[in-house]
Amino acid sequence: MPSHGSLTKAGKVRNATPKMPKKEKHKEVPRVRNKLEYEKRVLKASQAKAR
């Protein structure tokens, strides 16, 4: 099976990249997020139609 590039070069960039600490991801509680998405999607659309 032919490969693209030699295997001696495999992983060079990833190993040379400095390790960064993971960023803390903060998502809203699903209930709150769903409520905001609902308001954005349904209520604002119905207000736009009413005008």
Protein backbone atom coordinates (compact mmCIF):
# COMPACT_ATOMS: atom_id res chain seq x y z
CA MET A 1 0.00 0.00 0.00
CA PRO A 2 1.68 3.26 -1.08
CA SER A 3 1.87 6.14 1.36
CA HIS A 4 2.08 9.86 0.79
CA GLY A 5 5.46 10.92 2.12
CA SER A 6 7.99 8.92 4.03
CA LEU A 7 7.17 7.39 7.39
CA THR A 8 10.31 8.88 8.93
CA LYS A 9 8.60 12.29 8.87
CA ALA A 10 5.42 11.09 10.60
CA GLY A 11 4.42 13.05 13.73
CA LYS A 12 7.17 15.69 13.49
CA VAL A 13 4.88 18.73 13.63
CA ARG A 14 2.68 17.44 16.46
CA ASN A 15 5.69 16.50 18.58
CA ALA A 16 7.33 19.89 17.94
CA THR A 17 4.22 21.86 18.93
CA PRO A 18 4.28 23.09 22.54
CA LYS A 19 1.67 21.53 24.80
CA MET A 20 -1.06 24.04 25.66
CA PRO A 21 -3.25 23.67 28.75
CA LYS A 22 -6.86 22.86 27.90
CA LYS A 23 -9.29 25.76 28.10
CA GLU A 24 -12.21 25.36 30.42
CA LYS A 25 -15.39 25.12 28.38
CA HIS A 26 -18.52 26.52 29.96
CA LYS A 27 -21.88 25.73 28.45
CA GLU A 28 -25.18 26.75 29.90
CA VAL A 29 -27.43 24.15 31.46
CA PRO A 30 -29.35 22.50 28.57
CA ARG A 31 -32.70 23.71 29.92
CA VAL A 32 -31.56 27.35 29.84
CA ARG A 33 -29.87 26.97 26.46
CA ASN A 34 -32.99 25.38 24.94
CA LYS A 35 -35.17 28.15 26.32
CA LEU A 36 -32.94 30.84 24.79
CA GLU A 37 -32.84 29.04 21.44
CA TYR A 38 -36.64 28.68 21.50
CA GLU A 39 -37.12 32.37 22.23
CA LYS A 40 -34.71 33.34 19.49
CA ARG A 41 -36.22 30.94 16.95
CA VAL A 42 -39.97 31.03 17.65
CA LEU A 43 -40.89 34.13 19.59
CA LYS A 44 -38.79 36.63 17.64
CA ALA A 45 -39.95 35.11 14.36
CA SER A 46 -43.59 35.45 15.38
CA GLN A 47 -43.01 39.06 16.48
CA ALA A 48 -41.46 39.86 13.10
CA LYS A 49 -44.51 38.39 11.30
CA ALA A 50 -46.90 40.42 13.47
CA ARG A 51 -45.38 43.67 12.25
